[in-house]
Structures are given as C-alpha cells and as structure tokens.
Amino acid sequence: MSDVVIRAQPTPNPNSLLFHVDRTVTEERMKQFNSAEDAAGAPLARALFEIDGVASIFFMPNSITVSKSPGGEWNDIAPAAEEAIRNHFSG
C-alpha cells in the first residue's frame, strides 16, 4: 500500500486541528470520542488519546478533528497525531 497522505489544516477553533487523510477513517457519517473510555473499541482513537493534551476526537469519513486541552501545545500534539494516524494506516 502506498504512503498515507495526511494534510493538517487549522479550524476556526484554535483548540482544534483538522487532519485530512487519503484513507477511509470511518464508514459512519461521523463518530465522536470525548474520552479514552469512549475510544475503547476504536484503535486509532485510542492511539490519539495516548498523546498528552488531546481532549476529544471527531472522525468523519476521510478526516479527523483533534481537539486539545487548554494547556496542550500543537507543536507537540500535531506531529504525534500525524504519526499515530500514519502508523494506524500503515500497520
């Protein structure tokens, strides 16, 4: 399979970042996870919640919105989120 293409895009909310993915993230129209417990059955969401500062995750068919806690830093969260997404679809 070819490399996963991920494009990060800011949102109007400075605490959220949108990741466009060239893979199917979910078959559902949308799926929201507000805690690691919510993500128990979703390996990608679980991996994203392992990143310090991630507060919530929103899956759409070909994108993921990651929201950070007020103390979280995008300089740390964004690269880790991209790596988690890439690892999920590459493995």
PDB file of N, CA and C in Angstrom:
ATOM      1  N   MET A   1       0.842  -1.178   0.000  1.00  0.00           N
ATOM      2  CA  MET A   1       0.000   0.000   0.000  1.00  0.00           C
ATOM      3  C   MET A   1       0.886   1.240   0.000  1.00  0.00           C
ATOM      4  N   SER A   2       0.440   2.285  -0.680  1.00  0.00           N
ATOM      5  CA  SER A   2       1.238   3.499  -0.770  1.00  0.00           C
ATOM      6  C   SER A   2       1.248   4.248   0.563  1.00  0.00           C
ATOM      7  N   ASP A   3       2.173   5.206   0.642  1.00  0.00           N
ATOM      8  CA  ASP A   3       2.273   6.007   1.860  1.00  0.00           C
ATOM      9  C   ASP A   3       0.963   6.732   2.127  1.00  0.00           C
ATOM     10  N   VAL A   4       0.652   6.881   3.387  1.00  0.00           N
ATOM     11  CA  VAL A   4      -0.546   7.593   3.799  1.00  0.00           C
ATOM     12  C   VAL A   4      -0.301   9.089   3.615  1.00  0.00           C
ATOM     13  N   VAL A   5      -1.227   9.770   2.961  1.00  0.00           N
ATOM     14  CA  VAL A   5      -1.119  11.214   2.777  1.00  0.00           C
ATOM     15  C   VAL A   5      -2.023  11.881   3.806  1.00  0.00           C
ATOM     16  N   ILE A   6      -1.413  12.739   4.612  1.00  0.00           N
ATOM     17  CA  ILE A   6      -2.130  13.450   5.669  1.00  0.00           C
ATOM     18  C   ILE A   6      -1.861  14.935   5.477  1.00  0.00           C
ATOM     19  N   ARG A   7      -2.917  15.715   5.528  1.00  0.00           N
ATOM     20  CA  ARG A   7      -2.778  17.162   5.408  1.00  0.00           C
ATOM     21  C   ARG A   7      -3.475  17.807   6.598  1.00  0.00           C
ATOM     22  N   ALA A   8      -2.714  18.516   7.415  1.00  0.00           N
ATOM     23  CA  ALA A   8      -3.280  19.201   8.578  1.00  0.00           C
ATOM     24  C   ALA A   8      -3.772  20.579   8.160  1.00  0.00           C
ATOM     25  N   GLN A   9      -4.900  20.969   8.742  1.00  0.00           N
ATOM     26  CA  GLN A   9      -5.497  22.256   8.408  1.00  0.00           C
ATOM     27  C   GLN A   9      -6.060  22.883   9.678  1.00  0.00           C
ATOM     28  N   PRO A  10      -5.779  24.165   9.896  1.00  0.00           N
ATOM     29  CA  PRO A  10      -6.372  24.819  11.063  1.00  0.00           C
ATOM     30  C   PRO A  10      -7.887  24.903  10.912  1.00  0.00           C
ATOM     31  N   THR A  11      -8.563  25.064  12.030  1.00  0.00           N
ATOM     32  CA  THR A  11     -10.016  25.258  12.031  1.00  0.00           C
ATOM     33  C   THR A  11     -10.293  26.621  12.665  1.00  0.00           C
ATOM     34  N   PRO A  12     -11.527  27.099  12.586  1.00  0.00           N
ATOM     35  CA  PRO A  12     -11.844  28.366  13.265  1.00  0.00           C
ATOM     36  C   PRO A  12     -11.608  28.293  14.780  1.00  0.00           C
ATOM     37  N   ASN A  13     -11.651  27.088  15.332  1.00  0.00           N
ATOM     38  CA  ASN A  13     -11.396  26.901  16.762  1.00  0.00           C
ATOM     39  C   ASN A  13      -9.895  26.676  16.957  1.00  0.00           C
ATOM     40  N   PRO A  14      -9.191  27.568  17.664  1.00  0.00           N
ATOM     41  CA  PRO A  14      -7.740  27.398  17.836  1.00  0.00           C
ATOM     42  C   PRO A  14      -7.373  26.154  18.646  1.00  0.00           C
ATOM     43  N   ASN A  15      -8.340  25.546  19.308  1.00  0.00           N
ATOM     44  CA  ASN A  15      -8.075  24.328  20.076  1.00  0.00           C
ATOM     45  C   ASN A  15      -8.330  23.060  19.273  1.00  0.00           C
ATOM     46  N   SER A  16      -8.644  23.199  17.984  1.00  0.00           N
ATOM     47  CA  SER A  16      -8.905  22.031  17.130  1.00  0.00           C
ATOM     48  C   SER A  16      -8.091  22.117  15.854  1.00  0.00           C
ATOM     49  N   LEU A  17      -7.658  20.953  15.380  1.00  0.00           N
ATOM     50  CA  LEU A  17      -6.897  20.851  14.145  1.00  0.00           C
ATOM     51  C   LEU A  17      -7.507  19.721  13.324  1.00  0.00           C
ATOM     52  N   LEU A  18      -7.698  19.973  12.027  1.00  0.00           N
ATOM     53  CA  LEU A  18      -8.314  19.007  11.125  1.00  0.00           C
ATOM     54  C   LEU A  18      -7.231  18.296  10.320  1.00  0.00           C
ATOM     55  N   PHE A  19      -7.281  16.969  10.331  1.00  0.00           N
ATOM     56  CA  PHE A  19      -6.339  16.159   9.565  1.00  0.00           C
ATOM     57  C   PHE A  19      -7.111  15.467   8.438  1.00  0.00           C
ATOM     58  N   HIS A  20      -6.825  15.855   7.194  1.00  0.00           N
ATOM     59  CA  HIS A  20      -7.408  15.178   6.038  1.00  0.00           C
ATOM     60  C   HIS A  20      -6.537  13.952   5.757  1.00  0.00           C
ATOM     61  N   VAL A  21      -7.171  12.809   5.538  1.00  0.00           N
ATOM     62  CA  VAL A  21      -6.453  11.554   5.338  1.00  0.00           C
ATOM     63  C   VAL A  21      -6.933  10.927   4.032  1.00  0.00           C
ATOM     64  N   ASP A  22      -6.004  10.380   3.235  1.00  0.00           N
ATOM     65  CA  ASP A  22      -6.386   9.758   1.968  1.00  0.00           C
ATOM     66  C   ASP A  22      -6.817   8.299   2.154  1.00  0.00           C
ATOM     67  N   ARG A  23      -7.387   8.004   3.298  1.00  0.00           N
ATOM     68  CA  ARG A  23      -7.903   6.667   3.613  1.00  0.00           C
ATOM     69  C   ARG A  23      -9.280   6.846   4.247  1.00  0.00           C
ATOM     70  N   THR A  24     -10.042   5.776   4.321  1.00  0.00           N
ATOM     71  CA  THR A  24     -11.331   5.834   4.996  1.00  0.00           C
ATOM     72  C   THR A  24     -11.098   5.746   6.496  1.00  0.00           C
ATOM     73  N   VAL A  25     -11.479   6.786   7.196  1.00  0.00           N
ATOM     74  CA  VAL A  25     -11.316   6.853   8.645  1.00  0.00           C
ATOM     75  C   VAL A  25     -12.469   6.120   9.325  1.00  0.00           C
ATOM     76  N   THR A  26     -13.679   6.351   8.825  1.00  0.00           N
ATOM     77  CA  THR A  26     -14.865   5.691   9.367  1.00  0.00           C
ATOM     78  C   THR A  26     -15.882   5.495   8.258  1.00  0.00           C
ATOM     79  N   GLU A  27     -16.655   4.438   8.372  1.00  0.00           N
ATOM     80  CA  GLU A  27     -17.752   4.195   7.438  1.00  0.00           C
ATOM     81  C   GLU A  27     -18.988   4.994   7.851  1.00  0.00           C
ATOM     82  N   GLU A  28     -18.986   5.467   9.096  1.00  0.00           N
ATOM     83  CA  GLU A  28     -20.101   6.259   9.597  1.00  0.00           C
ATOM     84  C   GLU A  28     -19.976   7.695   9.101  1.00  0.00           C
ATOM     85  N   ARG A  29     -21.092   8.422   9.142  1.00  0.00           N
ATOM     86  CA  ARG A  29     -21.067   9.817   8.719  1.00  0.00           C
ATOM     87  C   ARG A  29     -20.170  10.631   9.654  1.00  0.00           C
ATOM     88  N   MET A  30     -20.239  10.317  10.938  1.00  0.00           N
ATOM     89  CA  MET A  30     -19.372  10.966  11.926  1.00  0.00           C
ATOM     90  C   MET A  30     -19.343  10.111  13.187  1.00  0.00           C
ATOM     91  N   LYS A  31     -18.260  10.227  13.921  1.00  0.00           N
ATOM     92  CA  LYS A  31     -18.101   9.485  15.175  1.00  0.00           C
ATOM     93  C   LYS A  31     -17.267  10.347  16.100  1.00  0.00           C
ATOM     94  N   GLN A  32     -17.799  10.624  17.295  1.00  0.00           N
ATOM     95  CA  GLN A  32     -17.099  11.489  18.246  1.00  0.00           C
ATOM     96  C   GLN A  32     -16.664  10.683  19.460  1.00  0.00           C
ATOM     97  N   PHE A  33     -15.470  11.014  19.950  1.00  0.00           N
ATOM     98  CA  PHE A  33     -14.913  10.399  21.146  1.00  0.00           C
ATOM     99  C   PHE A  33     -14.524  11.530  22.101  1.00  0.00           C
ATOM    100  N   ASN A  34     -15.109  11.519  23.292  1.00  0.00           N
ATOM    101  CA  ASN A  34     -14.826  12.581  24.263  1.00  0.00           C
ATOM    102  C   ASN A  34     -13.872  12.151  25.362  1.00  0.00           C
ATOM    103  N   SER A  35     -13.456  10.882  25.333  1.00  0.00           N
ATOM    104  CA  SER A  35     -12.524  10.389  26.349  1.00  0.00           C
ATOM    105  C   SER A  35     -11.878   9.106  25.844  1.00  0.00           C
ATOM    106  N   ALA A  36     -10.825   8.713  26.509  1.00  0.00           N
ATOM    107  CA  ALA A  36     -10.168   7.449  26.164  1.00  0.00           C
ATOM    108  C   ALA A  36     -11.130   6.284  26.365  1.00  0.00           C
ATOM    109  N   GLU A  37     -12.020   6.391  27.329  1.00  0.00           N
ATOM    110  CA  GLU A  37     -13.003   5.332  27.566  1.00  0.00           C
ATOM    111  C   GLU A  37     -13.947   5.207  26.372  1.00  0.00           C
ATOM    112  N   ASP A  38     -14.356   6.345  25.797  1.00  0.00           N
ATOM    113  CA  ASP A  38     -15.209   6.322  24.594  1.00  0.00           C
ATOM    114  C   ASP A  38     -14.516   5.606  23.442  1.00  0.00           C
ATOM    115  N   ALA A  39     -13.184   5.677  23.420  1.00  0.00           N
ATOM    116  CA  ALA A  39     -12.394   5.156  22.305  1.00  0.00           C
ATOM    117  C   ALA A  39     -12.002   3.696  22.478  1.00  0.00           C
ATOM    118  N   ALA A  40     -12.526   3.038  23.490  1.00  0.00           N
ATOM    119  CA  ALA A  40     -12.105   1.666  23.811  1.00  0.00           C
ATOM    120  C   ALA A  40     -12.167   0.728  22.608  1.00  0.00           C
ATOM    121  N   GLY A  41     -13.172   0.853  21.749  1.00  0.00           N
ATOM    122  CA  GLY A  41     -13.309  -0.050  20.610  1.00  0.00           C
ATOM    123  C   GLY A  41     -12.746   0.494  19.308  1.00  0.00           C
ATOM    124  N   ALA A  42     -12.026   1.607  19.374  1.00  0.00           N
ATOM    125  CA  ALA A  42     -11.508   2.248  18.163  1.00  0.00           C
ATOM    126  C   ALA A  42      -9.997   2.438  18.305  1.00  0.00           C
ATOM    127  N   PRO A  43      -9.196   1.550  17.711  1.00  0.00           N
ATOM    128  CA  PRO A  43      -7.739   1.615  17.886  1.00  0.00           C
ATOM    129  C   PRO A  43      -7.102   2.960  17.528  1.00  0.00           C
ATOM    130  N   LEU A  44      -7.545   3.595  16.448  1.00  0.00           N
ATOM    131  CA  LEU A  44      -6.946   4.877  16.072  1.00  0.00           C
ATOM    132  C   LEU A  44      -7.284   5.946  17.101  1.00  0.00           C
ATOM    133  N   ALA A  45      -8.520   6.004  17.536  1.00  0.00           N
ATOM    134  CA  ALA A  45      -8.898   6.988  18.553  1.00  0.00           C
ATOM    135  C   ALA A  45      -8.131   6.727  19.849  1.00  0.00           C
ATOM    136  N   ARG A  46      -7.976   5.457  20.223  1.00  0.00           N
ATOM    137  CA  ARG A  46      -7.201   5.114  21.427  1.00  0.00           C
ATOM    138  C   ARG A  46      -5.771   5.641  21.302  1.00  0.00           C
ATOM    139  N   ALA A  47      -5.161   5.427  20.142  1.00  0.00           N
ATOM    140  CA  ALA A  47      -3.781   5.884  19.927  1.00  0.00           C
ATOM    141  C   ALA A  47      -3.693   7.414  20.024  1.00  0.00           C
ATOM    142  N   LEU A  48      -4.683   8.115  19.501  1.00  0.00           N
ATOM    143  CA  LEU A  48      -4.664   9.577  19.581  1.00  0.00           C
ATOM    144  C   LEU A  48      -4.841  10.056  21.018  1.00  0.00           C
ATOM    145  N   PHE A  49      -5.665   9.374  21.806  1.00  0.00           N
ATOM    146  CA  PHE A  49      -5.838   9.768  23.211  1.00  0.00           C
ATOM    147  C   PHE A  49      -4.594   9.491  24.044  1.00  0.00           C
ATOM    148  N   GLU A  50      -3.684   8.673  23.558  1.00  0.00           N
ATOM    149  CA  GLU A  50      -2.428   8.443  24.274  1.00  0.00           C
ATOM    150  C   GLU A  50      -1.500   9.651  24.202  1.00  0.00           C
ATOM    151  N   ILE A  51      -1.806  10.576  23.307  1.00  0.00           N
ATOM    152  CA  ILE A  51      -0.997  11.793  23.149  1.00  0.00           C
ATOM    153  C   ILE A  51      -1.395  12.784  24.241  1.00  0.00           C
ATOM    154  N   ASP A  52      -0.418  13.240  24.985  1.00  0.00           N
ATOM    155  CA  ASP A  52      -0.663  14.188  26.061  1.00  0.00           C
ATOM    156  C   ASP A  52      -1.284  15.471  25.513  1.00  0.00           C
ATOM    157  N   GLY A  53      -2.406  15.885  26.075  1.00  0.00           N
ATOM    158  CA  GLY A  53      -3.056  17.133  25.674  1.00  0.00           C
ATOM    159  C   GLY A  53      -4.255  16.950  24.769  1.00  0.00           C
ATOM    160  N   VAL A  54      -4.508  15.736  24.269  1.00  0.00           N
ATOM    161  CA  VAL A  54      -5.675  15.509  23.411  1.00  0.00           C
ATOM    162  C   VAL A  54      -6.919  15.426  24.290  1.00  0.00           C
ATOM    163  N   ALA A  55      -7.936  16.233  23.948  1.00  0.00           N
ATOM    164  CA  ALA A  55      -9.157  16.304  24.758  1.00  0.00           C
ATOM    165  C   ALA A  55     -10.327  15.574  24.114  1.00  0.00           C
ATOM    166  N   SER A  56     -10.438  15.647  22.778  1.00  0.00           N
ATOM    167  CA  SER A  56     -11.523  14.950  22.084  1.00  0.00           C
ATOM    168  C   SER A  56     -11.112  14.709  20.636  1.00  0.00           C
ATOM    169  N   ILE A  57     -11.839  13.768  20.010  1.00  0.00           N
ATOM    170  CA  ILE A  57     -11.530  13.361  18.640  1.00  0.00           C
ATOM    171  C   ILE A  57     -12.852  13.202  17.902  1.00  0.00           C
ATOM    172  N   PHE A  58     -12.871  13.649  16.663  1.00  0.00           N
ATOM    173  CA  PHE A  58     -14.076  13.581  15.841  1.00  0.00           C
ATOM    174  C   PHE A  58     -13.692  12.967  14.499  1.00  0.00           C
ATOM    175  N   PHE A  59     -14.223  11.784  14.200  1.00  0.00           N
ATOM    176  CA  PHE A  59     -13.956  11.121  12.915  1.00  0.00           C
ATOM    177  C   PHE A  59     -15.051  11.460  11.921  1.00  0.00           C
ATOM    178  N   MET A  60     -14.653  11.745  10.695  1.00  0.00           N
ATOM    179  CA  MET A  60     -15.550  11.823   9.553  1.00  0.00           C
ATOM    180  C   MET A  60     -14.979  10.859   8.518  1.00  0.00           C
ATOM    181  N   PRO A  61     -15.685  10.593   7.426  1.00  0.00           N
ATOM    182  CA  PRO A  61     -15.212   9.545   6.506  1.00  0.00           C
ATOM    183  C   PRO A  61     -13.750   9.655   6.079  1.00  0.00           C
ATOM    184  N   ASN A  62     -13.252  10.857   5.793  1.00  0.00           N
ATOM    185  CA  ASN A  62     -11.873  10.995   5.337  1.00  0.00           C
ATOM    186  C   ASN A  62     -11.097  12.065   6.102  1.00  0.00           C
ATOM    187  N   SER A  63     -11.537  12.334   7.333  1.00  0.00           N
ATOM    188  CA  SER A  63     -10.811  13.331   8.119  1.00  0.00           C
ATOM    189  C   SER A  63     -11.009  13.083   9.607  1.00  0.00           C
ATOM    190  N   ILE A  64     -10.122  13.687  10.364  1.00  0.00           N
ATOM    191  CA  ILE A  64     -10.125  13.569  11.818  1.00  0.00           C
ATOM    192  C   ILE A  64      -9.905  14.966  12.385  1.00  0.00           C
ATOM    193  N   THR A  65     -10.777  15.378  13.292  1.00  0.00           N
ATOM    194  CA  THR A  65     -10.545  16.619  14.023  1.00  0.00           C
ATOM    195  C   THR A  65     -10.068  16.238  15.418  1.00  0.00           C
ATOM    196  N   VAL A  66      -8.907  16.759  15.779  1.00  0.00           N
ATOM    197  CA  VAL A  66      -8.351  16.539  17.105  1.00  0.00           C
ATOM    198  C   VAL A  66      -8.465  17.863  17.856  1.00  0.00           C
ATOM    199  N   SER A  67      -9.048  17.803  19.050  1.00  0.00           N
ATOM    200  CA  SER A  67      -9.137  18.989  19.899  1.00  0.00           C
ATOM    201  C   SER A  67      -8.226  18.793  21.103  1.00  0.00           C
ATOM    202  N   LYS A  68      -7.553  19.871  21.472  1.00  0.00           N
ATOM    203  CA  LYS A  68      -6.593  19.801  22.573  1.00  0.00           C
ATOM    204  C   LYS A  68      -7.167  20.440  23.825  1.00  0.00           C
ATOM    205  N   SER A  69      -6.620  20.047  24.948  1.00  0.00           N
ATOM    206  CA  SER A  69      -6.973  20.693  26.211  1.00  0.00           C
ATOM    207  C   SER A  69      -6.316  22.073  26.223  1.00  0.00           C
ATOM    208  N   PRO A  70      -6.815  22.998  27.045  1.00  0.00           N
ATOM    209  CA  PRO A  70      -6.264  24.356  27.042  1.00  0.00           C
ATOM    210  C   PRO A  70      -4.748  24.415  27.240  1.00  0.00           C
ATOM    211  N   GLY A  71      -4.182  23.498  28.007  1.00  0.00           N
ATOM    212  CA  GLY A  71      -2.738  23.527  28.247  1.00  0.00           C
ATOM    213  C   GLY A  71      -1.922  22.807  27.193  1.00  0.00           C
ATOM    214  N   GLY A  72      -2.587  22.138  26.265  1.00  0.00           N
ATOM    215  CA  GLY A  72      -1.881  21.381  25.230  1.00  0.00           C
ATOM    216  C   GLY A  72      -1.189  22.283  24.219  1.00  0.00           C
ATOM    217  N   GLU A  73      -0.108  21.794  23.642  1.00  0.00           N
ATOM    218  CA  GLU A  73       0.666  22.565  22.658  1.00  0.00           C
ATOM    219  C   GLU A  73       0.621  21.875  21.304  1.00  0.00           C
ATOM    220  N   TRP A  74       0.170  22.590  20.267  1.00  0.00           N
ATOM    221  CA  TRP A  74       0.097  21.983  18.926  1.00  0.00           C
ATOM    222  C   TRP A  74       1.466  21.543  18.426  1.00  0.00           C
ATOM    223  N   ASN A  75       2.533  22.230  18.836  1.00  0.00           N
ATOM    224  CA  ASN A  75       3.878  21.838  18.396  1.00  0.00           C
ATOM    225  C   ASN A  75       4.215  20.422  18.833  1.00  0.00           C
ATOM    226  N   ASP A  76       3.625  19.962  19.926  1.00  0.00           N
ATOM    227  CA  ASP A  76       3.831  18.592  20.407  1.00  0.00           C
ATOM    228  C   ASP A  76       2.750  17.648  19.891  1.00  0.00           C
ATOM    229  N   ILE A  77       1.503  18.110  19.918  1.00  0.00           N
ATOM    230  CA  ILE A  77       0.364  17.247  19.586  1.00  0.00           C
ATOM    231  C   ILE A  77       0.294  16.938  18.095  1.00  0.00           C
ATOM    232  N   ALA A  78       0.434  17.943  17.230  1.00  0.00           N
ATOM    233  CA  ALA A  78       0.227  17.735  15.788  1.00  0.00           C
ATOM    234  C   ALA A  78       1.167  16.682  15.201  1.00  0.00           C
ATOM    235  N   PRO A  79       2.488  16.747  15.442  1.00  0.00           N
ATOM    236  CA  PRO A  79       3.357  15.712  14.872  1.00  0.00           C
ATOM    237  C   PRO A  79       3.056  14.321  15.433  1.00  0.00           C
ATOM    238  N   ALA A  80       2.719  14.252  16.716  1.00  0.00           N
ATOM    239  CA  ALA A  80       2.396  12.961  17.324  1.00  0.00           C
ATOM    240  C   ALA A  80       1.100  12.410  16.750  1.00  0.00           C
ATOM    241  N   ALA A  81       0.129  13.289  16.493  1.00  0.00           N
ATOM    242  CA  ALA A  81      -1.137  12.845  15.900  1.00  0.00           C
ATOM    243  C   ALA A  81      -0.899  12.337  14.473  1.00  0.00           C
ATOM    244  N   GLU A  82      -0.107  13.059  13.694  1.00  0.00           N
ATOM    245  CA  GLU A  82       0.204  12.593  12.336  1.00  0.00           C
ATOM    246  C   GLU A  82       0.882  11.233  12.374  1.00  0.00           C
ATOM    247  N   GLU A  83       1.801  11.054  13.298  1.00  0.00           N
ATOM    248  CA  GLU A  83       2.492   9.772  13.413  1.00  0.00           C
ATOM    249  C   GLU A  83       1.521   8.652  13.791  1.00  0.00           C
ATOM    250  N   ALA A  84       0.614   8.918  14.721  1.00  0.00           N
ATOM    251  CA  ALA A  84      -0.371   7.908  15.130  1.00  0.00           C
ATOM    252  C   ALA A  84      -1.283   7.538  13.964  1.00  0.00           C
ATOM    253  N   ILE A  85      -1.704   8.528  13.190  1.00  0.00           N
ATOM    254  CA  ILE A  85      -2.569   8.272  12.026  1.00  0.00           C
ATOM    255  C   ILE A  85      -1.807   7.448  10.989  1.00  0.00           C
ATOM    256  N   ARG A  86      -0.583   7.869  10.697  1.00  0.00           N
ATOM    257  CA  ARG A  86       0.247   7.155   9.710  1.00  0.00           C
ATOM    258  C   ARG A  86       0.484   5.707  10.143  1.00  0.00           C
ATOM    259  N   ASN A  87       0.835   5.505  11.411  1.00  0.00           N
ATOM    260  CA  ASN A  87       1.069   4.161  11.918  1.00  0.00           C
ATOM    261  C   ASN A  87      -0.174   3.297  11.839  1.00  0.00           C
ATOM    262  N   HIS A  88      -1.320   3.872  12.126  1.00  0.00           N
ATOM    263  CA  HIS A  88      -2.571   3.128  12.087  1.00  0.00           C
ATOM    264  C   HIS A  88      -2.850   2.582  10.685  1.00  0.00           C
ATOM    265  N   PHE A  89      -2.675   3.434   9.682  1.00  0.00           N
ATOM    266  CA  PHE A  89      -2.990   3.026   8.307  1.00  0.00           C
ATOM    267  C   PHE A  89      -1.855   2.284   7.627  1.00  0.00           C
ATOM    268  N   SER A  90      -0.647   2.367   8.162  1.00  0.00           N
ATOM    269  CA  SER A  90       0.489   1.667   7.564  1.00  0.00           C
ATOM    270  C   SER A  90       0.643   0.265   8.141  1.00  0.00           C
ATOM    271  N   GLY A  91       0.158   0.073   9.346  1.00  0.00           N
ATOM    272  CA  GLY A  91       0.367  -1.205  10.026  1.00  0.00           C
ATOM    273  C   GLY A  91      -0.737  -2.122   9.781  1.00  0.00           C
TER     274      GLY A  91
END
